[in-house]
Amino acid sequence: MKQTEKVKYMKLNIAERFMVLGMLPKESNFTTLKIVRQLQESLSLTEAEFKEFDIKQEGQQIKWNNKGIEEREIDIGEKATDIIVEALKKLNDNNKLTSQHFSLYEKFI
């Protein structure tokens, strides 16, 4: 019998969503990569959000309007949460956390 994974909703703003996307592992086992792919889809901006937040890329920077600081509920499963927590703990253990990680660390750890 296949167990269904519990989905929980995490409130994240645009900056936090981009930060999590940047922390996800690029290499791992098949199962983890499958979860990472699903998580990437959940965290990615929709076409409607691109318009609503007036997303623009200027050089290496991505900019958005003030609506982008609003948090949106993103569905993140248990295993996906574990992957994010592991990435944050690894950054912390290696003294690589920055002030930009602060809100994510508080939400996930």
C-alpha atoms as a PDB file:
ATOM      1  CA  MET A   1       0.000   0.000   0.000  1.00  0.00           C
ATOM      2  CA  LYS A   2       1.347   3.416  -0.963  1.00  0.00           C
ATOM      3  CA  GLN A   3       1.487   5.995   1.810  1.00  0.00           C
ATOM      4  CA  THR A   4       0.476   9.491   0.893  1.00  0.00           C
ATOM      5  CA  GLU A   5       2.854  12.218   1.903  1.00  0.00           C
ATOM      6  CA  LYS A   6       1.457  14.922   4.134  1.00  0.00           C
ATOM      7  CA  VAL A   7       1.491  18.283   2.445  1.00  0.00           C
ATOM      8  CA  LYS A   8       1.908  21.341   4.539  1.00  0.00           C
ATOM      9  CA  TYR A   9       1.755  24.919   3.460  1.00  0.00           C
ATOM     10  CA  MET A  10       4.584  27.304   4.165  1.00  0.00           C
ATOM     11  CA  LYS A  11       4.149  31.032   3.773  1.00  0.00           C
ATOM     12  CA  LEU A  12       7.033  32.424   1.729  1.00  0.00           C
ATOM     13  CA  ASN A  13       7.671  35.697  -0.070  1.00  0.00           C
ATOM     14  CA  ILE A  14       9.406  35.977  -3.440  1.00  0.00           C
ATOM     15  CA  ALA A  15      12.895  36.454  -1.998  1.00  0.00           C
ATOM     16  CA  GLU A  16      12.499  33.375   0.213  1.00  0.00           C
ATOM     17  CA  ARG A  17      11.203  31.313  -2.710  1.00  0.00           C
ATOM     18  CA  PHE A  18      14.219  32.268  -4.831  1.00  0.00           C
ATOM     19  CA  MET A  19      16.539  31.555  -1.899  1.00  0.00           C
ATOM     20  CA  VAL A  20      15.123  28.047  -1.396  1.00  0.00           C
ATOM     21  CA  LEU A  21      15.379  27.372  -5.138  1.00  0.00           C
ATOM     22  CA  GLY A  22      19.068  28.288  -4.952  1.00  0.00           C
ATOM     23  CA  MET A  23      19.729  25.982  -1.999  1.00  0.00           C
ATOM     24  CA  LEU A  24      18.243  22.820  -3.487  1.00  0.00           C
ATOM     25  CA  PRO A  25      20.694  20.026  -4.318  1.00  0.00           C
ATOM     26  CA  LYS A  26      21.792  19.758  -7.940  1.00  0.00           C
ATOM     27  CA  GLU A  27      22.942  16.149  -7.491  1.00  0.00           C
ATOM     28  CA  SER A  28      21.508  13.349  -5.380  1.00  0.00           C
ATOM     29  CA  ASN A  29      19.656  10.062  -5.716  1.00  0.00           C
ATOM     30  CA  PHE A  30      16.631   9.580  -7.981  1.00  0.00           C
ATOM     31  CA  THR A  31      14.024   9.916  -5.236  1.00  0.00           C
ATOM     32  CA  THR A  32      15.482  13.143  -3.881  1.00  0.00           C
ATOM     33  CA  LEU A  33      15.834  14.639  -7.363  1.00  0.00           C
ATOM     34  CA  LYS A  34      12.197  13.804  -8.100  1.00  0.00           C
ATOM     35  CA  ILE A  35      11.105  15.602  -4.930  1.00  0.00           C
ATOM     36  CA  VAL A  36      13.402  18.522  -5.768  1.00  0.00           C
ATOM     37  CA  ARG A  37      11.800  18.810  -9.207  1.00  0.00           C
ATOM     38  CA  GLN A  38       8.312  18.930  -7.674  1.00  0.00           C
ATOM     39  CA  LEU A  39       9.496  21.479  -5.128  1.00  0.00           C
ATOM     40  CA  GLN A  40      10.979  23.636  -7.884  1.00  0.00           C
ATOM     41  CA  GLU A  41       7.581  23.681  -9.591  1.00  0.00           C
ATOM     42  CA  SER A  42       5.838  24.684  -6.359  1.00  0.00           C
ATOM     43  CA  LEU A  43       8.309  27.483  -5.629  1.00  0.00           C
ATOM     44  CA  SER A  44       8.524  28.855  -9.159  1.00  0.00           C
ATOM     45  CA  LEU A  45       6.508  31.924 -10.041  1.00  0.00           C
ATOM     46  CA  THR A  46       3.397  31.559 -12.165  1.00  0.00           C
ATOM     47  CA  GLU A  47       2.700  33.742 -15.195  1.00  0.00           C
ATOM     48  CA  ALA A  48       0.094  35.586 -13.158  1.00  0.00           C
ATOM     49  CA  GLU A  49       2.661  36.278 -10.415  1.00  0.00           C
ATOM     50  CA  PHE A  50       5.161  37.557 -12.989  1.00  0.00           C
ATOM     51  CA  LYS A  51       2.564  40.129 -14.053  1.00  0.00           C
ATOM     52  CA  GLU A  52       1.275  40.878 -10.552  1.00  0.00           C
ATOM     53  CA  PHE A  53       4.759  41.434  -9.100  1.00  0.00           C
ATOM     54  CA  ASP A  54       6.080  43.148 -12.255  1.00  0.00           C
ATOM     55  CA  ILE A  55       9.152  40.855 -12.324  1.00  0.00           C
ATOM     56  CA  LYS A  56      12.121  42.257 -14.227  1.00  0.00           C
ATOM     57  CA  GLN A  57      15.664  41.026 -14.605  1.00  0.00           C
ATOM     58  CA  GLU A  58      18.312  43.724 -14.685  1.00  0.00           C
ATOM     59  CA  GLY A  59      21.718  42.175 -15.248  1.00  0.00           C
ATOM     60  CA  GLN A  60      22.219  39.585 -12.507  1.00  0.00           C
ATOM     61  CA  GLN A  61      19.440  41.017 -10.318  1.00  0.00           C
ATOM     62  CA  ILE A  62      15.769  40.143 -10.344  1.00  0.00           C
ATOM     63  CA  LYS A  63      13.475  42.939  -9.172  1.00  0.00           C
ATOM     64  CA  TRP A  64       9.807  43.085  -8.263  1.00  0.00           C
ATOM     65  CA  ASN A  65       7.263  45.554  -6.919  1.00  0.00           C
ATOM     66  CA  ASN A  66       6.166  45.909  -3.284  1.00  0.00           C
ATOM     67  CA  LYS A  67       3.579  43.139  -3.623  1.00  0.00           C
ATOM     68  CA  GLY A  68       6.511  40.706  -3.787  1.00  0.00           C
ATOM     69  CA  ILE A  69       7.108  41.034  -0.062  1.00  0.00           C
ATOM     70  CA  GLU A  70       3.694  39.491   0.586  1.00  0.00           C
ATOM     71  CA  GLU A  71       3.860  35.875   1.655  1.00  0.00           C
ATOM     72  CA  ARG A  72       2.021  33.210  -0.316  1.00  0.00           C
ATOM     73  CA  GLU A  73       1.167  29.700   0.785  1.00  0.00           C
ATOM     74  CA  ILE A  74       3.390  27.186  -0.992  1.00  0.00           C
ATOM     75  CA  ASP A  75       2.657  23.477  -0.661  1.00  0.00           C
ATOM     76  CA  ILE A  76       5.733  21.681   0.585  1.00  0.00           C
ATOM     77  CA  GLY A  77       5.645  18.003   1.497  1.00  0.00           C
ATOM     78  CA  GLU A  78       7.424  16.352   4.402  1.00  0.00           C
ATOM     79  CA  LYS A  79      10.329  15.037   2.340  1.00  0.00           C
ATOM     80  CA  ALA A  80      10.734  18.389   0.575  1.00  0.00           C
ATOM     81  CA  THR A  81      10.787  20.086   3.979  1.00  0.00           C
ATOM     82  CA  ASP A  82      13.501  17.636   5.082  1.00  0.00           C
ATOM     83  CA  ILE A  83      15.597  18.571   2.023  1.00  0.00           C
ATOM     84  CA  ILE A  84      15.273  22.287   2.805  1.00  0.00           C
ATOM     85  CA  VAL A  85      16.053  21.744   6.501  1.00  0.00           C
ATOM     86  CA  GLU A  86      19.131  19.691   5.582  1.00  0.00           C
ATOM     87  CA  ALA A  87      20.373  22.441   3.250  1.00  0.00           C
ATOM     88  CA  LEU A  88      19.873  25.114   5.926  1.00  0.00           C
ATOM     89  CA  LYS A  89      21.605  23.010   8.592  1.00  0.00           C
ATOM     90  CA  LYS A  90      24.526  22.404   6.251  1.00  0.00           C
ATOM     91  CA  LEU A  91      24.868  26.158   5.640  1.00  0.00           C
ATOM     92  CA  ASN A  92      24.725  26.752   9.390  1.00  0.00           C
ATOM     93  CA  ASP A  93      27.266  24.022  10.200  1.00  0.00           C
ATOM     94  CA  ASN A  94      29.666  25.470   7.623  1.00  0.00           C
ATOM     95  CA  ASN A  95      29.132  29.042   8.865  1.00  0.00           C
ATOM     96  CA  LYS A  96      27.711  29.949   5.448  1.00  0.00           C
ATOM     97  CA  LEU A  97      24.376  31.367   6.594  1.00  0.00           C
ATOM     98  CA  THR A  98      23.792  34.993   5.681  1.00  0.00           C
ATOM     99  CA  SER A  99      21.287  37.518   6.960  1.00  0.00           C
ATOM    100  CA  GLN A 100      19.204  36.704   3.868  1.00  0.00           C
ATOM    101  CA  HIS A 101      18.707  33.151   5.189  1.00  0.00           C
ATOM    102  CA  PHE A 102      17.466  34.385   8.569  1.00  0.00           C
ATOM    103  CA  SER A 103      13.706  34.262   7.922  1.00  0.00           C
ATOM    104  CA  LEU A 104      13.947  30.889   6.196  1.00  0.00           C
ATOM    105  CA  TYR A 105      15.979  29.447   9.037  1.00  0.00           C
ATOM    106  CA  GLU A 106      13.372  30.620  11.547  1.00  0.00           C
ATOM    107  CA  LYS A 107      10.527  29.137   9.492  1.00  0.00           C
ATOM    108  CA  PHE A 108      12.073  25.734   8.827  1.00  0.00           C
ATOM    109  CA  ILE A 109      14.356  25.021  11.793  1.00  0.00           C
END
